[in-house]
Amino acid sequence: VEGGGIGAARAAVALAWDLADDGRLDAD
């Protein structure tokens, strides 16, 4: 993650869902 604030949280969560949904990364 580059940057901070709520934007960083939203971008990171969106990426995490993307990765979990296509099987690249376990959700936990």
mmCIF file of all heavy atoms, coordinates in Angstrom:
data_MODEL
# 
_entry.id   MODEL 
# 
loop_
_atom_site.group_PDB 
_atom_site.id 
_atom_site.type_symbol 
_atom_site.label_atom_id 
_atom_site.label_alt_id 
_atom_site.label_comp_id 
_atom_site.label_asym_id 
_atom_site.label_entity_id 
_atom_site.label_seq_id 
_atom_site.pdbx_PDB_ins_code 
_atom_site.Cartn_x 
_atom_site.Cartn_y 
_atom_site.Cartn_z 
_atom_site.occupancy 
_atom_site.B_iso_or_equiv 
_atom_site.pdbx_formal_charge 
_atom_site.auth_seq_id 
_atom_site.auth_comp_id 
_atom_site.auth_asym_id 
_atom_site.auth_atom_id 
_atom_site.pdbx_PDB_model_num 
ATOM 1   N N   . VAL A 1 1  ? 0.839   -1.198  0.000  1.00 0.00 ? 1  VAL A N   1 
ATOM 2   C CA  . VAL A 1 1  ? 0.000   0.000   0.000  1.00 0.00 ? 1  VAL A CA  1 
ATOM 3   C C   . VAL A 1 1  ? 0.869   1.240   0.000  1.00 0.00 ? 1  VAL A C   1 
ATOM 4   O O   . VAL A 1 1  ? 1.810   1.354   0.789  1.00 0.00 ? 1  VAL A O   1 
ATOM 5   C CB  . VAL A 1 1  ? -0.937  0.011   1.220  1.00 0.00 ? 1  VAL A CB  1 
ATOM 6   C CG1 . VAL A 1 1  ? -1.777  1.296   1.245  1.00 0.00 ? 1  VAL A CG1 1 
ATOM 7   C CG2 . VAL A 1 1  ? -1.852  -1.208  1.221  1.00 0.00 ? 1  VAL A CG2 1 
ATOM 8   N N   . GLU A 1 2  ? 0.567   2.156   -0.899 1.00 0.00 ? 2  GLU A N   1 
ATOM 9   C CA  . GLU A 1 2  ? 1.222   3.465   -0.939 1.00 0.00 ? 2  GLU A CA  1 
ATOM 10  C C   . GLU A 1 2  ? 0.178   4.521   -0.628 1.00 0.00 ? 2  GLU A C   1 
ATOM 11  O O   . GLU A 1 2  ? -0.900  4.522   -1.228 1.00 0.00 ? 2  GLU A O   1 
ATOM 12  C CB  . GLU A 1 2  ? 1.838   3.723   -2.308 1.00 0.00 ? 2  GLU A CB  1 
ATOM 13  C CG  . GLU A 1 2  ? 2.918   2.724   -2.698 1.00 0.00 ? 2  GLU A CG  1 
ATOM 14  C CD  . GLU A 1 2  ? 3.428   2.953   -4.108 1.00 0.00 ? 2  GLU A CD  1 
ATOM 15  O OE1 . GLU A 1 2  ? 2.910   3.889   -4.778 1.00 0.00 ? 2  GLU A OE1 1 
ATOM 16  O OE2 . GLU A 1 2  ? 4.311   2.202   -4.549 1.00 0.00 ? 2  GLU A OE2 1 
ATOM 17  N N   . GLY A 1 3  ? 0.503   5.421   0.279  1.00 0.00 ? 3  GLY A N   1 
ATOM 18  C CA  . GLY A 1 3  ? -0.455  6.435   0.688  1.00 0.00 ? 3  GLY A CA  1 
ATOM 19  C C   . GLY A 1 3  ? -1.137  6.023   1.979  1.00 0.00 ? 3  GLY A C   1 
ATOM 20  O O   . GLY A 1 3  ? -0.837  4.994   2.573  1.00 0.00 ? 3  GLY A O   1 
ATOM 21  N N   . GLY A 1 4  ? -2.054  6.863   2.422  1.00 0.00 ? 4  GLY A N   1 
ATOM 22  C CA  . GLY A 1 4  ? -2.714  6.589   3.694  1.00 0.00 ? 4  GLY A CA  1 
ATOM 23  C C   . GLY A 1 4  ? -4.149  7.058   3.692  1.00 0.00 ? 4  GLY A C   1 
ATOM 24  O O   . GLY A 1 4  ? -4.730  7.376   2.654  1.00 0.00 ? 4  GLY A O   1 
ATOM 25  N N   . GLY A 1 5  ? -4.721  7.120   4.884  1.00 0.00 ? 5  GLY A N   1 
ATOM 26  C CA  . GLY A 1 5  ? -6.089  7.584   5.037  1.00 0.00 ? 5  GLY A CA  1 
ATOM 27  C C   . GLY A 1 5  ? -7.111  6.568   4.560  1.00 0.00 ? 5  GLY A C   1 
ATOM 28  O O   . GLY A 1 5  ? -6.800  5.406   4.269  1.00 0.00 ? 5  GLY A O   1 
ATOM 29  N N   . ILE A 1 6  ? -8.333  7.022   4.437  1.00 0.00 ? 6  ILE A N   1 
ATOM 30  C CA  . ILE A 1 6  ? -9.424  6.131   4.059  1.00 0.00 ? 6  ILE A CA  1 
ATOM 31  C C   . ILE A 1 6  ? -9.249  5.596   2.640  1.00 0.00 ? 6  ILE A C   1 
ATOM 32  O O   . ILE A 1 6  ? -9.682  4.479   2.335  1.00 0.00 ? 6  ILE A O   1 
ATOM 33  C CB  . ILE A 1 6  ? -10.788 6.858   4.220  1.00 0.00 ? 6  ILE A CB  1 
ATOM 34  C CG1 . ILE A 1 6  ? -11.951 5.864   4.065  1.00 0.00 ? 6  ILE A CG1 1 
ATOM 35  C CG2 . ILE A 1 6  ? -10.897 8.012   3.238  1.00 0.00 ? 6  ILE A CG2 1 
ATOM 36  C CD1 . ILE A 1 6  ? -12.003 4.796   5.123  1.00 0.00 ? 6  ILE A CD1 1 
ATOM 37  N N   . GLY A 1 7  ? -8.590  6.361   1.790  1.00 0.00 ? 7  GLY A N   1 
ATOM 38  C CA  . GLY A 1 7  ? -8.344  5.892   0.426  1.00 0.00 ? 7  GLY A CA  1 
ATOM 39  C C   . GLY A 1 7  ? -7.500  4.636   0.412  1.00 0.00 ? 7  GLY A C   1 
ATOM 40  O O   . GLY A 1 7  ? -7.750  3.712   -0.370 1.00 0.00 ? 7  GLY A O   1 
ATOM 41  N N   . ALA A 1 8  ? -6.481  4.577   1.284  1.00 0.00 ? 8  ALA A N   1 
ATOM 42  C CA  . ALA A 1 8  ? -5.635  3.395   1.363  1.00 0.00 ? 8  ALA A CA  1 
ATOM 43  C C   . ALA A 1 8  ? -6.439  2.179   1.814  1.00 0.00 ? 8  ALA A C   1 
ATOM 44  O O   . ALA A 1 8  ? -6.277  1.080   1.295  1.00 0.00 ? 8  ALA A O   1 
ATOM 45  C CB  . ALA A 1 8  ? -4.473  3.650   2.324  1.00 0.00 ? 8  ALA A CB  1 
ATOM 46  N N   . ALA A 1 9  ? -7.313  2.390   2.791  1.00 0.00 ? 9  ALA A N   1 
ATOM 47  C CA  . ALA A 1 9  ? -8.138  1.293   3.286  1.00 0.00 ? 9  ALA A CA  1 
ATOM 48  C C   . ALA A 1 9  ? -9.077  0.780   2.196  1.00 0.00 ? 9  ALA A C   1 
ATOM 49  O O   . ALA A 1 9  ? -9.207  -0.441  1.991  1.00 0.00 ? 9  ALA A O   1 
ATOM 50  C CB  . ALA A 1 9  ? -8.938  1.752   4.503  1.00 0.00 ? 9  ALA A CB  1 
ATOM 51  N N   . ARG A 1 10 ? -9.723  1.680   1.480  1.00 0.00 ? 10 ARG A N   1 
ATOM 52  C CA  . ARG A 1 10 ? -10.659 1.261   0.433  1.00 0.00 ? 10 ARG A CA  1 
ATOM 53  C C   . ARG A 1 10 ? -9.946  0.531   -0.696 1.00 0.00 ? 10 ARG A C   1 
ATOM 54  O O   . ARG A 1 10 ? -10.431 -0.490  -1.195 1.00 0.00 ? 10 ARG A O   1 
ATOM 55  C CB  . ARG A 1 10 ? -11.403 2.481   -0.107 1.00 0.00 ? 10 ARG A CB  1 
ATOM 56  C CG  . ARG A 1 10 ? -12.361 3.113   0.892  1.00 0.00 ? 10 ARG A CG  1 
ATOM 57  C CD  . ARG A 1 10 ? -12.926 4.428   0.395  1.00 0.00 ? 10 ARG A CD  1 
ATOM 58  N NE  . ARG A 1 10 ? -13.781 5.056   1.396  1.00 0.00 ? 10 ARG A NE  1 
ATOM 59  C CZ  . ARG A 1 10 ? -14.229 6.304   1.319  1.00 0.00 ? 10 ARG A CZ  1 
ATOM 60  N NH1 . ARG A 1 10 ? -13.884 7.071   0.269  1.00 0.00 ? 10 ARG A NH1 1 
ATOM 61  N NH2 . ARG A 1 10 ? -14.998 6.797   2.273  1.00 0.00 ? 10 ARG A NH2 1 
ATOM 62  N N   . ALA A 1 11 ? -8.792  1.041   -1.120 1.00 0.00 ? 11 ALA A N   1 
ATOM 63  C CA  . ALA A 1 11 ? -8.055  0.405   -2.203 1.00 0.00 ? 11 ALA A CA  1 
ATOM 64  C C   . ALA A 1 11 ? -7.548  -0.973  -1.777 1.00 0.00 ? 11 ALA A C   1 
ATOM 65  O O   . ALA A 1 11 ? -7.633  -1.944  -2.539 1.00 0.00 ? 11 ALA A O   1 
ATOM 66  C CB  . ALA A 1 11 ? -6.890  1.286   -2.634 1.00 0.00 ? 11 ALA A CB  1 
ATOM 67  N N   . ALA A 1 12 ? -7.040  -1.080  -0.557 1.00 0.00 ? 12 ALA A N   1 
ATOM 68  C CA  . ALA A 1 12 ? -6.499  -2.346  -0.076 1.00 0.00 ? 12 ALA A CA  1 
ATOM 69  C C   . ALA A 1 12 ? -7.585  -3.405  0.065  1.00 0.00 ? 12 ALA A C   1 
ATOM 70  O O   . ALA A 1 12 ? -7.383  -4.574  -0.281 1.00 0.00 ? 12 ALA A O   1 
ATOM 71  C CB  . ALA A 1 12 ? -5.781  -2.131  1.255  1.00 0.00 ? 12 ALA A CB  1 
ATOM 72  N N   . VAL A 1 13 ? -8.744  -3.014  0.578  1.00 0.00 ? 13 VAL A N   1 
ATOM 73  C CA  . VAL A 1 13 ? -9.844  -3.964  0.745  1.00 0.00 ? 13 VAL A CA  1 
ATOM 74  C C   . VAL A 1 13 ? -10.351 -4.427  -0.622 1.00 0.00 ? 13 VAL A C   1 
ATOM 75  O O   . VAL A 1 13 ? -10.607 -5.620  -0.835 1.00 0.00 ? 13 VAL A O   1 
ATOM 76  C CB  . VAL A 1 13 ? -10.974 -3.352  1.582  1.00 0.00 ? 13 VAL A CB  1 
ATOM 77  C CG1 . VAL A 1 13 ? -12.224 -4.231  1.548  1.00 0.00 ? 13 VAL A CG1 1 
ATOM 78  C CG2 . VAL A 1 13 ? -10.514 -3.166  3.027  1.00 0.00 ? 13 VAL A CG2 1 
ATOM 79  N N   . ALA A 1 14 ? -10.490 -3.502  -1.556 1.00 0.00 ? 14 ALA A N   1 
ATOM 80  C CA  . ALA A 1 14 ? -10.942 -3.872  -2.904 1.00 0.00 ? 14 ALA A CA  1 
ATOM 81  C C   . ALA A 1 14 ? -9.972  -4.852  -3.545 1.00 0.00 ? 14 ALA A C   1 
ATOM 82  O O   . ALA A 1 14 ? -10.378 -5.835  -4.183 1.00 0.00 ? 14 ALA A O   1 
ATOM 83  C CB  . ALA A 1 14 ? -11.097 -2.628  -3.771 1.00 0.00 ? 14 ALA A CB  1 
ATOM 84  N N   . LEU A 1 15 ? -8.683  -4.618  -3.387 1.00 0.00 ? 15 LEU A N   1 
ATOM 85  C CA  . LEU A 1 15 ? -7.670  -5.517  -3.938 1.00 0.00 ? 15 LEU A CA  1 
ATOM 86  C C   . LEU A 1 15 ? -7.749  -6.888  -3.261 1.00 0.00 ? 15 LEU A C   1 
ATOM 87  O O   . LEU A 1 15 ? -7.671  -7.931  -3.925 1.00 0.00 ? 15 LEU A O   1 
ATOM 88  C CB  . LEU A 1 15 ? -6.281  -4.915  -3.764 1.00 0.00 ? 15 LEU A CB  1 
ATOM 89  C CG  . LEU A 1 15 ? -5.102  -5.812  -4.164 1.00 0.00 ? 15 LEU A CG  1 
ATOM 90  C CD1 . LEU A 1 15 ? -5.208  -6.246  -5.622 1.00 0.00 ? 15 LEU A CD1 1 
ATOM 91  C CD2 . LEU A 1 15 ? -3.774  -5.102  -3.900 1.00 0.00 ? 15 LEU A CD2 1 
ATOM 92  N N   . ALA A 1 16 ? -7.915  -6.893  -1.937 1.00 0.00 ? 16 ALA A N   1 
ATOM 93  C CA  . ALA A 1 16 ? -7.994  -8.154  -1.205 1.00 0.00 ? 16 ALA A CA  1 
ATOM 94  C C   . ALA A 1 16 ? -9.170  -8.997  -1.688 1.00 0.00 ? 16 ALA A C   1 
ATOM 95  O O   . ALA A 1 16 ? -9.041  -10.219 -1.872 1.00 0.00 ? 16 ALA A O   1 
ATOM 96  C CB  . ALA A 1 16 ? -8.116  -7.879  0.289  1.00 0.00 ? 16 ALA A CB  1 
ATOM 97  N N   . TRP A 1 17 ? -10.321 -8.380  -1.891 1.00 0.00 ? 17 TRP A N   1 
ATOM 98  C CA  . TRP A 1 17 ? -11.489 -9.111  -2.397 1.00 0.00 ? 17 TRP A CA  1 
ATOM 99  C C   . TRP A 1 17 ? -11.212 -9.664  -3.796 1.00 0.00 ? 17 TRP A C   1 
ATOM 100 O O   . TRP A 1 17 ? -11.578 -10.791 -4.110 1.00 0.00 ? 17 TRP A O   1 
ATOM 101 C CB  . TRP A 1 17 ? -12.711 -8.206  -2.416 1.00 0.00 ? 17 TRP A CB  1 
ATOM 102 C CG  . TRP A 1 17 ? -13.236 -7.863  -1.060 1.00 0.00 ? 17 TRP A CG  1 
ATOM 103 C CD1 . TRP A 1 17 ? -12.953 -8.499  0.113  1.00 0.00 ? 17 TRP A CD1 1 
ATOM 104 C CD2 . TRP A 1 17 ? -14.132 -6.813  -0.734 1.00 0.00 ? 17 TRP A CD2 1 
ATOM 105 N NE1 . TRP A 1 17 ? -13.625 -7.899  1.151  1.00 0.00 ? 17 TRP A NE1 1 
ATOM 106 C CE2 . TRP A 1 17 ? -14.355 -6.862  0.665  1.00 0.00 ? 17 TRP A CE2 1 
ATOM 107 C CE3 . TRP A 1 17 ? -14.772 -5.823  -1.481 1.00 0.00 ? 17 TRP A CE3 1 
ATOM 108 C CZ2 . TRP A 1 17 ? -15.195 -5.962  1.319  1.00 0.00 ? 17 TRP A CZ2 1 
ATOM 109 C CZ3 . TRP A 1 17 ? -15.610 -4.923  -0.835 1.00 0.00 ? 17 TRP A CZ3 1 
ATOM 110 C CH2 . TRP A 1 17 ? -15.821 -4.992  0.557  1.00 0.00 ? 17 TRP A CH2 1 
ATOM 111 N N   . ASP A 1 18 ? -10.569 -8.861  -4.616 1.00 0.00 ? 18 ASP A N   1 
ATOM 112 C CA  . ASP A 1 18 ? -10.212 -9.277  -5.978 1.00 0.00 ? 18 ASP A CA  1 
ATOM 113 C C   . ASP A 1 18 ? -9.347  -10.533 -5.928 1.00 0.00 ? 18 ASP A C   1 
ATOM 114 O O   . ASP A 1 18 ? -9.590  -11.517 -6.635 1.00 0.00 ? 18 ASP A O   1 
ATOM 115 C CB  . ASP A 1 18 ? -9.460  -8.133  -6.645 1.00 0.00 ? 18 ASP A CB  1 
ATOM 116 C CG  . ASP A 1 18 ? -9.703  -8.060  -8.146 1.00 0.00 ? 18 ASP A CG  1 
ATOM 117 O OD1 . ASP A 1 18 ? -10.558 -8.799  -8.651 1.00 0.00 ? 18 ASP A OD1 1 
ATOM 118 O OD2 . ASP A 1 18 ? -9.028  -7.247  -8.809 1.00 0.00 ? 18 ASP A OD2 1 
ATOM 119 N N   . LEU A 1 19 ? -8.334  -10.509 -5.079 1.00 0.00 ? 19 LEU A N   1 
ATOM 120 C CA  . LEU A 1 19 ? -7.394  -11.616 -4.988 1.00 0.00 ? 19 LEU A CA  1 
ATOM 121 C C   . LEU A 1 19 ? -8.049  -12.867 -4.406 1.00 0.00 ? 19 LEU A C   1 
ATOM 122 O O   . LEU A 1 19 ? -7.791  -13.992 -4.860 1.00 0.00 ? 19 LEU A O   1 
ATOM 123 C CB  . LEU A 1 19 ? -6.198  -11.209 -4.121 1.00 0.00 ? 19 LEU A CB  1 
ATOM 124 C CG  . LEU A 1 19 ? -5.331  -10.071 -4.660 1.00 0.00 ? 19 LEU A CG  1 
ATOM 125 C CD1 . LEU A 1 19 ? -4.320  -9.631  -3.610 1.00 0.00 ? 19 LEU A CD1 1 
ATOM 126 C CD2 . LEU A 1 19 ? -4.624  -10.486 -5.941 1.00 0.00 ? 19 LEU A CD2 1 
ATOM 127 N N   . ALA A 1 20 ? -8.886  -12.667 -3.396 1.00 0.00 ? 20 ALA A N   1 
ATOM 128 C CA  . ALA A 1 20 ? -9.558  -13.812 -2.773 1.00 0.00 ? 20 ALA A CA  1 
ATOM 129 C C   . ALA A 1 20 ? -10.560 -14.451 -3.724 1.00 0.00 ? 20 ALA A C   1 
ATOM 130 O O   . ALA A 1 20 ? -10.670 -15.686 -3.795 1.00 0.00 ? 20 ALA A O   1 
ATOM 131 C CB  . ALA A 1 20 ? -10.247 -13.368 -1.491 1.00 0.00 ? 20 ALA A CB  1 
ATOM 132 N N   . ASP A 1 21 ? -11.290 -13.624 -4.457 1.00 0.00 ? 21 ASP A N   1 
ATOM 133 C CA  . ASP A 1 21 ? -12.334 -14.153 -5.338 1.00 0.00 ? 21 ASP A CA  1 
ATOM 134 C C   . ASP A 1 21 ? -11.783 -14.958 -6.500 1.00 0.00 ? 21 ASP A C   1 
ATOM 135 O O   . ASP A 1 21 ? -12.439 -15.881 -6.990 1.00 0.00 ? 21 ASP A O   1 
ATOM 136 C CB  . ASP A 1 21 ? -13.217 -13.010 -5.860 1.00 0.00 ? 21 ASP A CB  1 
ATOM 137 C CG  . ASP A 1 21 ? -14.111 -12.430 -4.781 1.00 0.00 ? 21 ASP A CG  1 
ATOM 138 O OD1 . ASP A 1 21 ? -14.229 -13.046 -3.708 1.00 0.00 ? 21 ASP A OD1 1 
ATOM 139 O OD2 . ASP A 1 21 ? -14.690 -11.345 -5.007 1.00 0.00 ? 21 ASP A OD2 1 
ATOM 140 N N   . ASP A 1 22 ? -10.596 -14.600 -6.984 1.00 0.00 ? 22 ASP A N   1 
ATOM 141 C CA  . ASP A 1 22 ? -10.043 -15.379 -8.105 1.00 0.00 ? 22 ASP A CA  1 
ATOM 142 C C   . ASP A 1 22 ? -9.007  -16.407 -7.650 1.00 0.00 ? 22 ASP A C   1 
ATOM 143 O O   . ASP A 1 22 ? -8.292  -16.987 -8.468 1.00 0.00 ? 22 ASP A O   1 
ATOM 144 C CB  . ASP A 1 22 ? -9.486  -14.472 -9.202 1.00 0.00 ? 22 ASP A CB  1 
ATOM 145 C CG  . ASP A 1 22 ? -8.278  -13.656 -8.764 1.00 0.00 ? 22 ASP A CG  1 
ATOM 146 O OD1 . ASP A 1 22 ? -7.685  -13.969 -7.714 1.00 0.00 ? 22 ASP A OD1 1 
ATOM 147 O OD2 . ASP A 1 22 ? -7.918  -12.712 -9.489 1.00 0.00 ? 22 ASP A OD2 1 
ATOM 148 N N   . GLY A 1 23 ? -8.934  -16.623 -6.330 1.00 0.00 ? 23 GLY A N   1 
ATOM 149 C CA  . GLY A 1 23 ? -8.114  -17.705 -5.810 1.00 0.00 ? 23 GLY A CA  1 
ATOM 150 C C   . GLY A 1 23 ? -6.639  -17.423 -5.685 1.00 0.00 ? 23 GLY A C   1 
ATOM 151 O O   . GLY A 1 23 ? -5.859  -18.346 -5.396 1.00 0.00 ? 23 GLY A O   1 
ATOM 152 N N   . ARG A 1 24 ? -6.211  -16.182 -5.875 1.00 0.00 ? 24 ARG A N   1 
ATOM 153 C CA  . ARG A 1 24 ? -4.788  -15.883 -5.767 1.00 0.00 ? 24 ARG A CA  1 
ATOM 154 C C   . ARG A 1 24 ? -4.302  -15.741 -4.330 1.00 0.00 ? 24 ARG A C   1 
ATOM 155 O O   . ARG A 1 24 ? -3.112  -15.877 -4.049 1.00 0.00 ? 24 ARG A O   1 
ATOM 156 C CB  . ARG A 1 24 ? -4.459  -14.601 -6.544 1.00 0.00 ? 24 ARG A CB  1 
ATOM 157 C CG  . ARG A 1 24 ? -4.386  -14.802 -8.041 1.00 0.00 ? 24 ARG A CG  1 
ATOM 158 C CD  . ARG A 1 24 ? -3.992  -13.524 -8.762 1.00 0.00 ? 24 ARG A CD  1 
ATOM 159 N NE  . ARG A 1 24 ? -5.090  -12.561 -8.818 1.00 0.00 ? 24 ARG A NE  1 
ATOM 160 C CZ  . ARG A 1 24 ? -4.969  -11.327 -9.296 1.00 0.00 ? 24 ARG A CZ  1 
ATOM 161 N NH1 . ARG A 1 24 ? -3.791  -10.898 -9.714 1.00 0.00 ? 24 ARG A NH1 1 
ATOM 162 N NH2 . ARG A 1 24 ? -6.015  -10.528 -9.349 1.00 0.00 ? 24 ARG A NH2 1 
ATOM 163 N N   . LEU A 1 25 ? -5.225  -15.480 -3.402 1.00 0.00 ? 25 LEU A N   1 
ATOM 164 C CA  . LEU A 1 25 ? -4.821  -15.269 -2.015 1.00 0.00 ? 25 LEU A CA  1 
ATOM 165 C C   . LEU A 1 25 ? -5.953  -15.693 -1.096 1.00 0.00 ? 25 LEU A C   1 
ATOM 166 O O   . LEU A 1 25 ? -7.113  -15.347 -1.333 1.00 0.00 ? 25 LEU A O   1 
ATOM 167 C CB  . LEU A 1 25 ? -4.481  -13.786 -1.782 1.00 0.00 ? 25 LEU A CB  1 
ATOM 168 C CG  . LEU A 1 25 ? -3.866  -13.412 -0.425 1.00 0.00 ? 25 LEU A CG  1 
ATOM 169 C CD1 . LEU A 1 25 ? -2.512  -14.108 -0.249 1.00 0.00 ? 25 LEU A CD1 1 
ATOM 170 C CD2 . LEU A 1 25 ? -3.687  -11.904 -0.324 1.00 0.00 ? 25 LEU A CD2 1 
ATOM 171 N N   . ASP A 1 26 ? -5.625  -16.472 -0.070 1.00 0.00 ? 26 ASP A N   1 
ATOM 172 C CA  . ASP A 1 26 ? -6.621  -16.877 0.918  1.00 0.00 ? 26 ASP A CA  1 
ATOM 173 C C   . ASP A 1 26 ? -7.201  -15.642 1.603  1.00 0.00 ? 26 ASP A C   1 
ATOM 174 O O   . ASP A 1 26 ? -6.478  -14.683 1.898  1.00 0.00 ? 26 ASP A O   1 
ATOM 175 C CB  . ASP A 1 26 ? -5.961  -17.791 1.952  1.00 0.00 ? 26 ASP A CB  1 
ATOM 176 C CG  . ASP A 1 26 ? -6.897  -18.178 3.068  1.00 0.00 ? 26 ASP A CG  1 
ATOM 177 O OD1 . ASP A 1 26 ? -7.714  -19.083 2.867  1.00 0.00 ? 26 ASP A OD1 1 
ATOM 178 O OD2 . ASP A 1 26 ? -6.808  -17.545 4.143  1.00 0.00 ? 26 ASP A OD2 1 
ATOM 179 N N   . ALA A 1 27 ? -8.514  -15.656 1.860  1.00 0.00 ? 27 ALA A N   1 
ATOM 180 C CA  . ALA A 1 27 ? -9.184  -14.479 2.421  1.00 0.00 ? 27 ALA A CA  1 
ATOM 181 C C   . ALA A 1 27 ? -8.606  -14.086 3.771  1.00 0.00 ? 27 ALA A C   1 
ATOM 182 O O   . ALA A 1 27 ? -8.407  -12.900 4.051  1.00 0.00 ? 27 ALA A O   1 
ATOM 183 C CB  . ALA A 1 27 ? -10.689 -14.745 2.537  1.00 0.00 ? 27 ALA A CB  1 
ATOM 184 N N   . ASP A 1 28 ? -8.313  -15.055 4.630  1.00 0.00 ? 28 ASP A N   1 
ATOM 185 C CA  . ASP A 1 28 ? -7.762  -14.730 5.944  1.00 0.00 ? 28 ASP A CA  1 
ATOM 186 C C   . ASP A 1 28 ? -6.358  -14.139 5.829  1.00 0.00 ? 28 ASP A C   1 
ATOM 187 O O   . ASP A 1 28 ? -5.993  -13.217 6.571  1.00 0.00 ? 28 ASP A O   1 
ATOM 188 C CB  . ASP A 1 28 ? -7.732  -15.970 6.832  1.00 0.00 ? 28 ASP A CB  1 
ATOM 189 C CG  . ASP A 1 28 ? -9.116  -16.409 7.274  1.00 0.00 ? 28 ASP A CG  1 
ATOM 190 O OD1 . ASP A 1 28 ? -10.016 -15.546 7.336  1.00 0.00 ? 28 ASP A OD1 1 
ATOM 191 O OD2 . ASP A 1 28 ? -9.303  -17.605 7.558  1.00 0.00 ? 28 ASP A OD2 1 
# 
